[in-house]
C-alpha cells in the first residue's frame, strides 16, 4: 500500500475519532471504536480479533514499544469480568500523535498513552497495563472496501455486532 494512501486513511480515522469525543455510545467497546474510526471514515472493513487483547496478539503489538506513531492502535492488557467471564479483554485506542491516544473509556476521550494505566477502572477490573502498539500498515493488511451506509449509525451497529458475537451479556458464557 502506498504511504500516501496510509496517511490519508490515518488522517480520516483521526478526524472521525475526534468527532466522537465525549460520546458514551462506545463505553466498553474500545475495539469497535478504533475499528470504526478507520472503517467508517475510509469505507473499509478491517479484520482483527473479537476483543482488544485478541487483536493485540493477532497484530503482534508486543513487538512495538516506545511512543506510538499517529494512526497506530495502542494496546493495554486489561483484566476484568464482562459477559460472565473474567479474562484479559484488553483495551485499545488510536494514537493521534505526540503520544496522545483517543479511546473509548467511560466516554470517548483523549489521554497520553502513559497515563491510561492510571485511569479509574470499573469495580472488578484491574488497572490496564501497557502491551504495545501496532502500526497502521499492519492494521490495514487484508482490509477490503465496504459501504457502511446500510449498517446505519456506527455506535448502534457496534452494539448490534457485539451482541451477535457475545450475546446480550445477561447470561454467563463459558
Protein backbone atom coordinates (compact mmCIF):
# COMPACT_ATOMS: atom_id res chain seq x y z
CA UNK A 1 0.00 0.00 0.00
CA UNK A 2 1.33 3.43 -0.84
CA UNK A 3 2.46 5.67 2.02
CA UNK A 4 0.20 8.49 0.76
CA UNK A 5 -2.87 6.23 0.96
CA UNK A 6 -1.99 5.19 4.53
CA UNK A 7 -1.51 8.84 5.52
CA UNK A 8 -4.90 9.85 4.11
CA UNK A 9 -6.59 6.90 5.79
CA UNK A 10 -4.92 7.76 9.11
CA UNK A 11 -5.98 11.42 8.82
CA UNK A 12 -9.54 10.34 8.05
CA UNK A 13 -9.61 7.95 11.02
CA UNK A 14 -8.27 10.56 13.45
CA UNK A 15 -10.77 13.15 12.22
CA UNK A 16 -13.65 10.66 12.61
CA UNK A 17 -12.47 9.71 16.12
CA UNK A 18 -12.22 13.36 17.20
CA UNK A 19 -15.79 13.96 16.03
CA UNK A 20 -16.89 11.40 18.62
CA UNK A 21 -15.09 12.91 21.64
CA UNK A 22 -17.39 12.93 24.67
CA UNK A 23 -19.85 10.33 23.41
CA UNK A 24 -20.74 7.44 25.73
CA UNK A 25 -22.01 5.26 22.88
CA UNK A 26 -18.79 3.24 22.78
CA UNK A 27 -18.37 2.58 26.54
CA UNK A 28 -16.89 -0.94 26.90
CA UNK A 29 -16.46 -1.16 23.12
CA UNK A 30 -12.98 0.28 22.63
CA UNK A 31 -12.07 -2.06 19.76
CA UNK A 32 -15.27 -1.24 17.92
CA UNK A 33 -14.45 2.45 18.32
CA UNK A 34 -10.93 2.31 16.85
CA UNK A 35 -12.02 -0.06 14.08
CA UNK A 36 -14.96 2.20 13.24
CA UNK A 37 -12.59 5.17 13.05
CA UNK A 38 -10.71 3.50 10.17
CA UNK A 39 -13.63 1.60 8.67
CA UNK A 40 -16.32 4.28 8.64
CA UNK A 41 -14.06 7.14 7.57
CA UNK A 42 -12.40 5.17 4.76
CA UNK A 43 -15.18 2.77 3.67
CA UNK A 44 -13.11 -0.27 4.63
CA UNK A 45 -13.57 -3.46 6.57
CA UNK A 46 -10.74 -4.49 8.91
CA UNK A 47 -10.05 -8.00 10.14
CA UNK A 48 -8.77 -8.18 13.71
CA UNK A 49 -9.88 -10.05 16.80
CA UNK A 50 -13.20 -10.10 18.61
CA UNK A 51 -11.81 -8.12 21.57
CA UNK A 52 -8.79 -5.87 22.13
CA UNK A 53 -6.47 -8.46 23.73
CA UNK A 54 -7.11 -10.87 20.87
CA UNK A 55 -6.36 -8.14 18.32
CA UNK A 56 -3.16 -7.20 20.18
CA UNK A 57 -1.98 -10.80 19.80
CA UNK A 58 -3.01 -11.04 16.14
CA UNK A 59 -1.28 -7.74 15.32
CA UNK A 60 1.86 -8.61 17.38
CA UNK A 61 1.53 -5.37 19.38
CA UNK A 62 4.09 -6.56 21.95
CA UNK A 63 6.76 -6.28 19.23
CA UNK A 64 6.49 -2.48 19.36
CA UNK A 65 7.48 -0.48 22.42
CA UNK A 66 8.04 3.23 22.97
CA UNK A 67 5.91 6.13 21.84
CA UNK A 68 3.43 5.04 19.18
CA UNK A 69 3.15 6.99 15.92
CA UNK A 70 -0.04 8.69 14.74
CA UNK A 71 -2.52 6.17 13.39
CA UNK A 72 -1.23 3.24 15.46
CA UNK A 73 -3.52 1.04 17.51
CA UNK A 74 -2.26 1.31 21.12
CA UNK A 75 -2.94 -1.75 23.29
CA UNK A 76 -3.16 -2.49 27.01
CA UNK A 77 -3.77 -5.68 28.97
CA UNK A 78 -7.00 -5.12 30.87
CA UNK A 79 -8.39 -7.91 33.05
CA UNK A 80 -11.94 -7.92 34.32
CA UNK A 81 -15.33 -9.54 34.19
CA UNK A 82 -17.58 -8.98 31.22
CA UNK A 83 -20.27 -11.16 29.69
CA UNK A 84 -19.96 -13.56 32.61
CA UNK A 85 -16.23 -14.21 32.07
CA UNK A 86 -13.14 -12.86 33.82
CA UNK A 87 -10.23 -12.61 31.43
CA UNK A 88 -7.85 -10.23 29.71
CA UNK A 89 -10.25 -8.39 27.43
CA UNK A 90 -7.62 -5.74 26.69
CA UNK A 91 -8.05 -2.08 25.89
CA UNK A 92 -7.16 -0.23 22.70
CA UNK A 93 -7.03 3.35 21.49
CA UNK A 94 -5.94 5.24 18.40
CA UNK A 95 -2.78 7.34 18.60
CA UNK A 96 -3.39 10.84 17.26
CA UNK A 97 0.25 11.96 17.60
CA UNK A 98 2.57 13.25 20.31
CA UNK A 99 1.75 10.24 22.49
CA UNK A 100 -1.93 11.16 22.74
CA UNK A 101 -4.48 8.37 22.40
CA UNK A 102 -8.17 8.79 21.69
CA UNK A 103 -10.08 5.86 23.16
CA UNK A 104 -13.45 4.71 24.42
CA UNK A 105 -13.43 4.51 28.21
CA UNK A 106 -16.50 5.70 30.12
CA UNK A 107 -16.74 8.13 27.22
CA UNK A 108 -14.59 8.75 24.16
CA UNK A 109 -11.66 10.78 25.47
CA UNK A 110 -8.02 11.63 24.84
CA UNK A 111 -5.21 10.69 27.24
CA UNK A 112 -1.45 10.37 26.95
CA UNK A 113 -0.58 6.73 26.37
CA UNK A 114 1.47 6.65 29.60
CA UNK A 115 -1.49 7.93 31.67
CA UNK A 116 -4.04 5.29 30.63
CA UNK A 117 -2.82 2.79 33.30
CA UNK A 118 -3.72 5.40 35.96
CA UNK A 119 -7.37 5.76 34.89
CA UNK A 120 -10.10 4.87 37.37
CA UNK A 121 -11.35 1.40 36.47
CA UNK A 122 -14.78 -0.16 36.92
CA UNK A 123 -15.32 -2.37 40.00
CA UNK A 124 -13.84 -5.83 39.49
CA UNK A 125 -11.29 -4.72 36.91
CA UNK A 126 -7.52 -4.47 37.26
CA UNK A 127 -5.64 -1.37 36.12
CA UNK A 128 -4.73 -1.50 32.43
CA UNK A 129 -1.09 -2.40 31.70
CA UNK A 130 0.86 -1.29 28.64
CA UNK A 131 1.04 -4.04 26.00
CA UNK A 132 2.44 -2.25 22.91
CA UNK A 133 1.26 -0.79 19.63
CA UNK A 134 0.60 -1.83 16.06
CA UNK A 135 1.45 0.34 13.05
CA UNK A 136 -1.30 1.36 10.67
CA UNK A 137 0.28 -0.74 7.89
CA UNK A 138 -0.40 -3.93 9.91
CA UNK A 139 -3.92 -2.86 10.88
CA UNK A 140 -4.78 -2.29 7.22
CA UNK A 141 -3.39 -5.62 5.96
CA UNK A 142 -6.13 -7.57 4.24
CA UNK A 143 -8.71 -4.80 4.54
CA UNK A 144 -11.33 -4.59 1.82
CA UNK A 145 -13.71 -1.92 0.60
CA UNK A 146 -17.11 -1.79 2.28
CA UNK A 147 -20.09 0.53 2.10
CA UNK A 148 -21.16 1.04 5.71
CA UNK A 149 -24.32 3.02 4.84
CA UNK A 150 -26.72 0.05 5.20
CA UNK A 151 -25.34 -0.63 8.70
CA UNK A 152 -26.68 2.69 9.98
CA UNK A 153 -25.26 4.63 12.93
CA UNK A 154 -21.76 3.36 13.84
CA UNK A 155 -22.31 3.06 17.59
CA UNK A 156 -25.65 1.27 17.17
CA UNK A 157 -24.12 -1.12 14.66
CA UNK A 158 -21.20 -1.79 17.06
CA UNK A 159 -23.65 -2.71 19.85
CA UNK A 160 -25.56 -5.00 17.47
CA UNK A 161 -22.34 -6.74 16.33
CA UNK A 162 -21.18 -7.15 19.95
CA UNK A 163 -24.48 -8.80 20.88
CA UNK A 164 -24.22 -11.11 17.85
CA UNK A 165 -20.69 -12.18 18.82
CA UNK A 166 -21.03 -12.43 22.60
CA UNK A 167 -24.74 -12.40 23.41
CA UNK A 168 -26.50 -9.65 25.29
CA UNK A 169 -24.47 -10.18 28.47
CA UNK A 170 -27.41 -11.25 30.63
CA UNK A 171 -26.25 -14.87 30.91
CA UNK A 172 -22.82 -16.27 31.70
CA UNK A 173 -20.97 -17.88 28.83
CA UNK A 174 -18.11 -20.32 29.02
